[in-house]
Amino acid sequence: MWVGNSLSFVLTRLDVLLLDPKFTWIQRLKACLGIACGLEHLHDHKGTHQSVVHGHIRSANILLDRNWNAYITDFGLSRYGKDNEDHRLLFFDEEIPLGYFDPIYKDTVLLTKESDVYSLGVVLFEALCSRPCIDNSYEDARRSLPILIKKNYLEHKLDSVLDDNLRKQIGQNCFDTFVELAYQCLESNKSRRPTTNLVVSTLKTALEYQEVFEAKANRLLDFEEICPPGGSDLVILYTTSIKGIRKTSKDCSRVHSLLKSLKGCMYSDFRDELQKLGKLTALPRLFIKGRYIGGANDIFLLHEQGKFQPLVRDILNISEEPCKRCSGARSVVCRKCNGSNILKSVEGGRTMCTECNKNGLIKCPICF
C-alpha cells in the first residue's frame, strides 16, 4: 500500500483493469484490500490523533503495479485535521464526482471519513460487477451503479448485476462476506457504515475464504479435463438401473448412495454421451466440474483417503459442521405419526404411516 500524488514508475489505472476479463477475482480482491489499507492509514495516524479525509476515492484514482499493489492518488480534495473532525468542503455541483460521492454531502456540506468509506463501497462493487460507476450507455437506473446495486440488493436480484464469468471464480463464503461489507459501505446513514479498520479486517477474512476455496478447486486440476454436456459446474454420475451384470449393478448402487448422501446428480444410461467422451467402459463414471474422476474403485479410494468430500463440498454446498436439526444423522422423527410408524383412525383402526420408514423416521429436510 502506498499513497501519493506522483510516481516514478509505470502503473495501470484500476478503472481500466476492471474491464479486463483476465483481471481475476483474487487479484481484484487483493487490490481492494490494498485500497482499504491505504484509507485506514489516512484515517488513523497511529498516536497522532490526526487524520486525512481523501474526498475523491474512485477507481480512476487507484493505480496498480505489476504485483497488484494499490496506490491511492489525487489528493486535490483531501482535508487534514483532528481525528474526530468533520471537514466543510464547498465546490460547484458540476465538480462533484458523480456516483462516488457521499449522497448526504448535499445536505450537510461536510466531508467525513464515512464519505471515503461510501466511495470505497462503490469501488468494491465496480470490482465485483466489472463496470464503471457511471455507465453513459444507459439512460435509466442502470446508468448509476450505486442506485442499481441498492435496488437489486433489496429485491434479492443482485446476480443480475454481476459479471457472470467473475462470479464463477468466487467462493460462496468470500462472496457473502464481500457483498455484505460493500453494501454496508453504501448505507445512507453514515453511522451504519463500517470504519476503515473494520473494512480491512473483513476484506482479509474474505481473502482467506477465497484462498481456501481456490486451494480446494485446484485439487480438481489433478484430474483429466473432460466435460459432459452442461457439466462445467455440476457433479454428474453416469450410472444404470439395469441389474444384469451383478458387479456393475452393485458398484452403481454404492456410488449412487454415496453421492445421494452428498446431494449429487445422477444420469442413467447415457451410453452415447459416454462414448463421445471416450469413456464407454463399465459404469459408474463420475465427472466433477468438467473433470473426469473415474469409476467406482477410484471414487471409493478417494473416499477412504478423505479426499472425495472436499472435491464436492463447495459445489454441493456441503457444510463441514453437522446439521443443527439432525446432528448429522440425516433423519428425524416423523411428525405425522410421532415416530410410531402407525396411524390411528377415527374408528379406532390402525394403518401404517406413509410418510416414514418402519422406524418412524423421515429424511432430514435440511440435509436433503
Protein backbone atom coordinates (compact mmCIF):
# COMPACT_ATOMS: atom_id res chain seq x y z
CA MET A 1 0.00 0.00 0.00
CA TRP A 2 1.27 3.49 -0.85
CA VAL A 3 -0.37 6.91 -1.05
CA GLY A 4 0.89 9.89 -3.01
CA ASN A 5 0.50 12.33 -5.89
CA SER A 6 3.39 11.36 -8.15
CA LEU A 7 5.08 8.09 -9.07
CA SER A 8 8.30 7.34 -10.91
CA PHE A 9 7.35 4.01 -12.50
CA VAL A 10 4.64 2.74 -14.81
CA LEU A 11 1.33 1.76 -13.21
CA THR A 12 -2.14 0.90 -14.51
CA ARG A 13 -5.38 2.61 -13.51
CA LEU A 14 -7.86 0.41 -11.71
CA ASP A 15 -10.84 1.61 -13.79
CA VAL A 16 -9.08 0.29 -16.91
CA LEU A 17 -8.17 -3.06 -15.36
CA LEU A 18 -11.70 -3.67 -14.08
CA LEU A 19 -12.92 -4.06 -17.67
CA ASP A 20 -10.26 -6.68 -18.44
CA PRO A 21 -11.64 -10.27 -18.21
CA LYS A 22 -8.11 -11.50 -17.45
CA PHE A 23 -8.12 -9.50 -14.21
CA THR A 24 -9.07 -12.33 -11.87
CA TRP A 25 -11.20 -12.13 -8.75
CA ILE A 26 -8.39 -12.80 -6.30
CA GLN A 27 -6.31 -10.05 -7.96
CA ARG A 28 -9.26 -7.67 -7.62
CA LEU A 29 -9.76 -8.69 -4.00
CA LYS A 30 -6.11 -8.04 -3.15
CA ALA A 31 -6.34 -4.65 -4.88
CA CYS A 32 -9.44 -3.76 -2.85
CA LEU A 33 -7.64 -4.75 0.34
CA GLY A 34 -4.72 -2.54 -0.64
CA ILE A 35 -7.04 0.45 -1.15
CA ALA A 36 -8.68 -0.17 2.22
CA CYS A 37 -5.27 -0.38 3.93
CA GLY A 38 -4.34 2.96 2.34
CA LEU A 39 -7.52 4.59 3.61
CA GLU A 40 -7.01 3.07 7.05
CA HIS A 41 -3.56 4.69 7.17
CA LEU A 42 -5.01 8.06 6.11
CA HIS A 43 -7.91 7.93 8.56
CA ASP A 44 -5.93 6.76 11.56
CA HIS A 45 -2.43 8.17 12.06
CA LYS A 46 -1.26 5.98 14.93
CA GLY A 47 -0.64 8.03 18.07
CA THR A 48 -1.08 11.45 16.42
CA HIS A 49 -4.85 11.89 16.74
CA GLN A 50 -4.74 13.32 13.20
CA SER A 51 -6.39 12.05 10.04
CA VAL A 52 -6.66 12.76 6.34
CA VAL A 53 -10.01 12.56 4.52
CA HIS A 54 -9.23 11.88 0.88
CA GLY A 55 -12.55 13.09 -0.54
CA HIS A 56 -12.09 11.72 -4.06
CA ILE A 57 -11.80 7.90 -3.85
CA ARG A 58 -12.69 6.39 -7.22
CA SER A 59 -11.24 3.65 -9.41
CA ALA A 60 -9.58 6.18 -11.75
CA ASN A 61 -7.55 7.46 -8.78
CA ILE A 62 -6.26 4.00 -7.87
CA LEU A 63 -3.12 2.74 -9.60
CA LEU A 64 -1.85 -0.84 -9.54
CA ASP A 65 1.68 -2.12 -10.12
CA ARG A 66 2.58 -5.45 -11.72
CA ASN A 67 2.10 -7.22 -8.37
CA TRP A 68 -1.41 -5.73 -7.94
CA ASN A 69 -0.31 -3.43 -5.11
CA ALA A 70 -2.69 -0.46 -4.84
CA TYR A 71 -1.63 3.21 -4.87
CA ILE A 72 -4.05 5.99 -3.92
CA THR A 73 -3.52 9.24 -5.85
CA ASP A 74 -5.11 12.69 -6.41
CA PHE A 75 -5.33 14.47 -3.07
CA GLY A 76 -6.84 17.65 -4.54
CA LEU A 77 -9.96 17.45 -2.34
CA SER A 78 -8.29 15.93 0.72
CA ARG A 79 -8.56 17.54 4.14
CA TYR A 80 -6.15 17.18 7.09
CA GLY A 81 -7.23 17.68 10.69
CA LYS A 82 -8.05 16.16 14.04
CA ASP A 83 -9.08 12.54 14.12
CA ASN A 84 -12.69 13.26 15.14
CA GLU A 85 -13.13 16.35 12.97
CA ASP A 86 -15.51 16.71 10.01
CA HIS A 87 -14.44 19.00 7.19
CA ARG A 88 -16.58 21.55 5.43
CA LEU A 89 -16.00 21.45 1.69
CA LEU A 90 -17.63 23.77 -0.82
CA PHE A 91 -17.48 23.48 -4.59
CA PHE A 92 -19.82 23.78 -7.55
CA ASP A 93 -22.26 20.92 -8.23
CA GLU A 94 -20.75 20.26 -11.64
CA GLU A 95 -17.43 19.47 -9.95
CA ILE A 96 -18.91 16.72 -7.78
CA PRO A 97 -17.55 13.33 -8.91
CA LEU A 98 -20.89 11.72 -9.74
CA GLY A 99 -21.71 8.32 -8.31
CA TYR A 100 -18.77 8.02 -5.96
CA PHE A 101 -19.63 10.98 -3.76
CA ASP A 102 -21.43 10.57 -0.45
CA PRO A 103 -25.10 11.45 -1.18
CA ILE A 104 -25.51 13.14 2.22
CA TYR A 105 -22.93 15.77 1.24
CA LYS A 106 -25.51 17.97 -0.49
CA ASP A 107 -27.45 18.23 2.76
CA THR A 108 -24.54 18.67 5.18
CA VAL A 109 -21.73 20.13 3.02
CA LEU A 110 -19.45 18.06 5.24
CA LEU A 111 -16.65 15.79 4.08
CA THR A 112 -16.05 12.94 6.56
CA LYS A 113 -14.16 9.70 6.85
CA GLU A 114 -17.51 7.99 6.24
CA SER A 115 -17.62 9.81 2.89
CA ASP A 116 -14.44 7.97 1.89
CA VAL A 117 -15.98 4.68 3.06
CA TYR A 118 -19.03 5.29 0.84
CA SER A 119 -16.77 5.91 -2.17
CA LEU A 120 -14.79 2.78 -1.33
CA GLY A 121 -18.05 0.78 -1.31
CA VAL A 122 -18.73 1.95 -4.86
CA VAL A 123 -15.24 0.83 -5.94
CA LEU A 124 -15.82 -2.58 -4.32
CA PHE A 125 -18.97 -3.08 -6.38
CA GLU A 126 -17.17 -1.88 -9.52
CA ALA A 127 -14.65 -4.66 -8.91
CA LEU A 128 -17.45 -7.21 -8.45
CA CYS A 129 -19.55 -6.11 -11.44
CA SER A 130 -16.73 -5.29 -13.91
CA ARG A 131 -18.36 -2.00 -14.89
CA PRO A 132 -17.83 1.71 -14.18
CA CYS A 133 -19.72 3.61 -11.53
CA ILE A 134 -21.45 5.69 -14.21
CA ASP A 135 -22.22 3.93 -17.49
CA ASN A 136 -23.42 6.50 -20.01
CA SER A 137 -24.60 3.79 -22.42
CA TYR A 138 -27.73 3.54 -20.25
CA GLU A 139 -30.40 6.20 -19.83
CA ASP A 140 -32.30 4.56 -16.97
CA ALA A 141 -31.48 3.36 -13.43
CA ARG A 142 -28.71 1.13 -14.80
CA ARG A 143 -26.63 4.21 -15.53
CA SER A 144 -25.68 4.62 -11.85
CA LEU A 145 -24.08 1.56 -10.25
CA PRO A 146 -24.91 2.57 -6.61
CA ILE A 147 -28.60 3.06 -7.48
CA LEU A 148 -28.66 -0.21 -9.41
CA ILE A 149 -26.96 -2.11 -6.57
CA LYS A 150 -29.32 -0.80 -3.90
CA LYS A 151 -32.39 -1.64 -5.99
CA ASN A 152 -31.31 -5.19 -6.86
CA TYR A 153 -29.91 -5.95 -3.41
CA LEU A 154 -33.24 -5.17 -1.75
CA GLU A 155 -35.09 -7.23 -4.38
CA HIS A 156 -32.65 -10.16 -3.95
CA LYS A 157 -31.67 -9.87 -7.63
CA LEU A 158 -28.03 -8.92 -7.23
CA ASP A 159 -26.88 -11.74 -9.53
CA SER A 160 -28.43 -9.86 -12.48
CA VAL A 161 -25.89 -7.07 -11.97
CA LEU A 162 -22.78 -9.18 -11.50
CA ASP A 163 -20.16 -10.27 -14.00
CA ASP A 164 -21.17 -13.90 -14.65
CA ASN A 165 -17.67 -15.09 -15.57
CA LEU A 166 -16.22 -13.42 -12.49
CA ARG A 167 -18.92 -14.83 -10.20
CA LYS A 168 -17.87 -18.37 -11.13
CA GLN A 169 -14.42 -17.66 -9.68
CA ILE A 170 -15.72 -16.63 -6.24
CA GLY A 171 -16.27 -18.97 -3.31
CA GLN A 172 -19.63 -18.57 -1.59
CA ASN A 173 -18.20 -17.58 1.80
CA CYS A 174 -15.98 -14.97 0.17
CA PHE A 175 -18.88 -13.66 -1.91
CA ASP A 176 -21.26 -13.31 1.03
CA THR A 177 -18.64 -11.57 3.17
CA PHE A 178 -17.60 -9.19 0.40
CA VAL A 179 -21.14 -8.22 -0.69
CA GLU A 180 -22.37 -7.61 2.84
CA LEU A 181 -19.38 -5.36 3.56
CA ALA A 182 -19.66 -3.43 0.28
CA TYR A 183 -23.37 -2.84 0.82
CA GLN A 184 -22.78 -1.60 4.37
CA CYS A 185 -20.37 0.96 2.94
CA LEU A 186 -23.27 2.39 0.88
CA GLU A 187 -25.59 2.84 3.88
CA SER A 188 -27.49 6.14 3.73
CA ASN A 189 -26.94 6.64 7.46
CA LYS A 190 -23.22 7.27 7.83
CA SER A 191 -23.20 5.92 11.40
CA ARG A 192 -24.03 2.48 9.98
CA ARG A 193 -21.05 2.43 7.66
CA PRO A 194 -18.05 0.37 8.78
CA THR A 195 -14.80 2.03 9.81
CA THR A 196 -11.78 1.52 7.57
CA ASN A 197 -10.32 -0.72 10.30
CA LEU A 198 -13.38 -2.98 10.01
CA VAL A 199 -13.25 -2.83 6.20
CA VAL A 200 -9.63 -4.02 6.24
CA SER A 201 -10.26 -6.87 8.69
CA THR A 202 -13.37 -8.02 6.78
CA LEU A 203 -11.59 -7.97 3.41
CA LYS A 204 -8.77 -10.01 4.94
CA THR A 205 -11.38 -12.56 6.03
CA ALA A 206 -12.89 -12.59 2.52
CA LEU A 207 -9.41 -13.14 1.07
CA GLU A 208 -8.80 -16.06 3.43
CA TYR A 209 -12.12 -17.61 2.35
CA GLN A 210 -11.17 -17.17 -1.31
CA GLU A 211 -7.72 -18.70 -0.86
CA VAL A 212 -9.26 -21.76 0.82
CA PHE A 213 -11.84 -22.01 -1.99
CA GLU A 214 -9.18 -21.83 -4.71
CA ALA A 215 -6.98 -24.35 -2.92
CA LYS A 216 -9.91 -26.80 -2.94
CA ALA A 217 -10.73 -26.01 -6.57
CA ASN A 218 -7.13 -26.69 -7.57
CA ARG A 219 -7.49 -30.27 -6.35
CA LEU A 220 -9.63 -30.94 -9.40
CA LEU A 221 -6.74 -29.93 -11.67
CA ASP A 222 -5.14 -33.30 -10.94
CA PHE A 223 -7.93 -35.00 -12.89
CA GLU A 224 -8.40 -35.29 -16.64
CA GLU A 225 -10.43 -32.45 -18.16
CA ILE A 226 -13.46 -34.00 -19.88
CA CYS A 227 -16.73 -32.12 -19.65
CA PRO A 228 -20.13 -33.79 -20.20
CA PRO A 229 -22.75 -31.53 -21.83
CA GLY A 230 -23.66 -28.77 -19.37
CA GLY A 231 -21.39 -30.23 -16.71
CA SER A 232 -18.92 -27.37 -16.17
CA ASP A 233 -20.45 -26.53 -12.78
CA LEU A 234 -22.08 -29.84 -11.84
CA VAL A 235 -21.33 -33.16 -10.19
CA ILE A 236 -22.50 -35.77 -12.72
CA LEU A 237 -22.63 -39.52 -12.20
CA TYR A 238 -23.36 -41.80 -15.13
CA THR A 239 -24.96 -44.94 -13.73
CA THR A 240 -27.52 -47.57 -14.68
CA SER A 241 -30.52 -49.26 -13.14
CA ILE A 242 -30.03 -52.47 -15.15
CA LYS A 243 -29.16 -55.38 -12.85
CA GLY A 244 -27.98 -57.88 -15.46
CA ILE A 245 -24.31 -57.57 -14.50
CA ARG A 246 -24.02 -58.06 -10.76
CA LYS A 247 -20.74 -56.16 -10.18
CA THR A 248 -21.82 -53.20 -12.31
CA SER A 249 -25.16 -53.04 -10.54
CA LYS A 250 -23.50 -53.22 -7.11
CA ASP A 251 -20.90 -50.56 -7.97
CA CYS A 252 -23.55 -48.21 -9.36
CA SER A 253 -25.70 -48.69 -6.30
CA ARG A 254 -22.84 -47.97 -3.88
CA VAL A 255 -21.66 -44.83 -5.68
CA HIS A 256 -25.26 -43.72 -6.16
CA SER A 257 -25.82 -43.98 -2.38
CA LEU A 258 -22.60 -42.08 -1.63
CA LEU A 259 -23.47 -39.20 -3.95
CA LYS A 260 -27.08 -39.19 -2.83
CA SER A 261 -25.88 -38.67 0.72
CA LEU A 262 -23.94 -35.66 -0.59
CA LYS A 263 -26.86 -34.34 -2.67
CA GLY A 264 -25.28 -35.18 -6.04
CA CYS A 265 -26.80 -35.51 -9.54
CA MET A 266 -27.23 -38.85 -11.34
CA TYR A 267 -27.71 -39.61 -15.02
CA SER A 268 -28.74 -43.11 -16.14
CA ASP A 269 -27.94 -44.96 -19.35
CA PHE A 270 -26.35 -42.08 -21.30
CA ARG A 271 -24.15 -44.53 -23.17
CA ASP A 272 -23.99 -42.46 -26.37
CA GLU A 273 -22.77 -39.46 -24.39
CA LEU A 274 -20.11 -41.51 -22.65
CA GLN A 275 -18.97 -42.93 -25.98
CA LYS A 276 -18.48 -39.41 -27.34
CA LEU A 277 -16.49 -38.57 -24.22
CA GLY A 278 -14.30 -41.59 -24.80
CA LYS A 279 -15.37 -43.21 -21.53
CA LEU A 280 -17.62 -46.05 -22.70
CA THR A 281 -16.43 -48.56 -20.11
CA ALA A 282 -18.02 -50.25 -17.11
CA LEU A 283 -20.36 -47.99 -15.20
CA PRO A 284 -20.47 -45.94 -12.99
CA ARG A 285 -18.44 -42.95 -14.24
CA LEU A 286 -18.13 -39.69 -12.28
CA PHE A 287 -17.41 -36.16 -13.51
CA ILE A 288 -16.99 -33.07 -11.31
CA LYS A 289 -16.97 -29.58 -12.88
CA GLY A 290 -15.71 -30.89 -16.19
CA ARG A 291 -13.08 -33.20 -14.67
CA TYR A 292 -13.17 -36.98 -15.02
CA ILE A 293 -12.84 -38.55 -11.54
CA GLY A 294 -13.16 -42.21 -12.51
CA GLY A 295 -15.15 -45.32 -11.73
CA ALA A 296 -16.29 -47.00 -8.51
CA ASN A 297 -12.82 -48.10 -7.36
CA ASP A 298 -11.37 -44.62 -7.93
CA ILE A 299 -14.26 -42.93 -6.12
CA PHE A 300 -14.16 -45.15 -3.05
CA LEU A 301 -10.37 -44.95 -2.81
CA LEU A 302 -10.68 -41.14 -2.68
CA HIS A 303 -13.49 -41.52 -0.14
CA GLU A 304 -11.40 -43.80 2.11
CA GLN A 305 -8.50 -41.33 1.91
CA GLY A 306 -10.80 -38.45 2.92
CA LYS A 307 -10.24 -36.71 -0.42
CA PHE A 308 -13.66 -37.19 -2.02
CA GLN A 309 -15.92 -34.93 0.03
CA PRO A 310 -13.55 -31.91 -0.31
CA LEU A 311 -13.87 -32.26 -4.10
CA VAL A 312 -17.64 -31.84 -3.98
CA ARG A 313 -18.17 -29.84 -0.77
CA ASP A 314 -18.27 -26.36 -2.32
CA ILE A 315 -20.24 -27.22 -5.44
CA LEU A 316 -22.86 -29.17 -3.46
CA ASN A 317 -22.84 -26.60 -0.63
CA ILE A 318 -21.93 -29.19 2.00
CA SER A 319 -21.26 -27.76 5.42
CA GLU A 320 -18.35 -29.01 7.48
CA GLU A 321 -20.50 -28.62 10.59
CA PRO A 322 -23.14 -31.26 11.46
CA CYS A 323 -26.76 -30.35 10.72
CA LYS A 324 -28.33 -28.48 13.65
CA ARG A 325 -31.60 -30.38 13.26
CA CYS A 326 -30.44 -33.98 12.91
CA SER A 327 -26.85 -33.63 14.27
CA GLY A 328 -25.53 -35.48 11.23
CA ALA A 329 -27.90 -38.46 11.50
CA ARG A 330 -29.60 -37.30 8.25
CA SER A 331 -33.00 -38.44 9.55
CA VAL A 332 -35.54 -37.11 12.07
CA VAL A 333 -38.66 -38.43 13.80
CA CYS A 334 -41.79 -38.31 11.63
CA ARG A 335 -44.18 -35.64 12.93
CA LYS A 336 -47.21 -37.27 11.36
CA CYS A 337 -47.01 -40.43 13.49
CA ASN A 338 -44.56 -39.21 16.16
CA GLY A 339 -42.14 -41.97 15.25
CA SER A 340 -44.53 -44.89 15.75
CA ASN A 341 -44.99 -45.62 12.02
CA ILE A 342 -48.65 -46.31 12.93
CA LEU A 343 -51.66 -44.03 12.45
CA LYS A 344 -54.91 -44.42 14.38
CA SER A 345 -58.14 -43.75 12.53
CA VAL A 346 -61.27 -42.14 14.00
CA GLU A 347 -62.92 -45.57 14.05
CA GLY A 348 -60.13 -46.97 16.16
CA GLY A 349 -58.35 -48.85 13.38
CA ARG A 350 -54.66 -48.68 12.65
CA THR A 351 -52.76 -48.07 9.41
CA MET A 352 -49.09 -47.77 8.52
CA CYS A 353 -47.81 -44.20 8.15
CA THR A 354 -46.95 -43.45 4.52
CA GLU A 355 -44.58 -40.59 5.34
CA CYS A 356 -41.83 -42.51 7.16
CA ASN A 357 -39.97 -45.79 7.24
CA LYS A 358 -40.69 -48.69 9.59
CA ASN A 359 -38.61 -47.00 12.29
CA GLY A 360 -40.77 -43.88 12.18
CA LEU A 361 -38.01 -41.76 10.63
CA ILE A 362 -38.03 -39.38 7.66
CA LYS A 363 -35.18 -37.72 5.79
CA CYS A 364 -33.90 -34.55 7.44
CA PRO A 365 -35.49 -31.70 5.47
CA ILE A 366 -32.35 -29.60 5.90
CA CYS A 367 -29.88 -32.23 4.71
CA PHE A 368 -31.98 -33.31 1.70
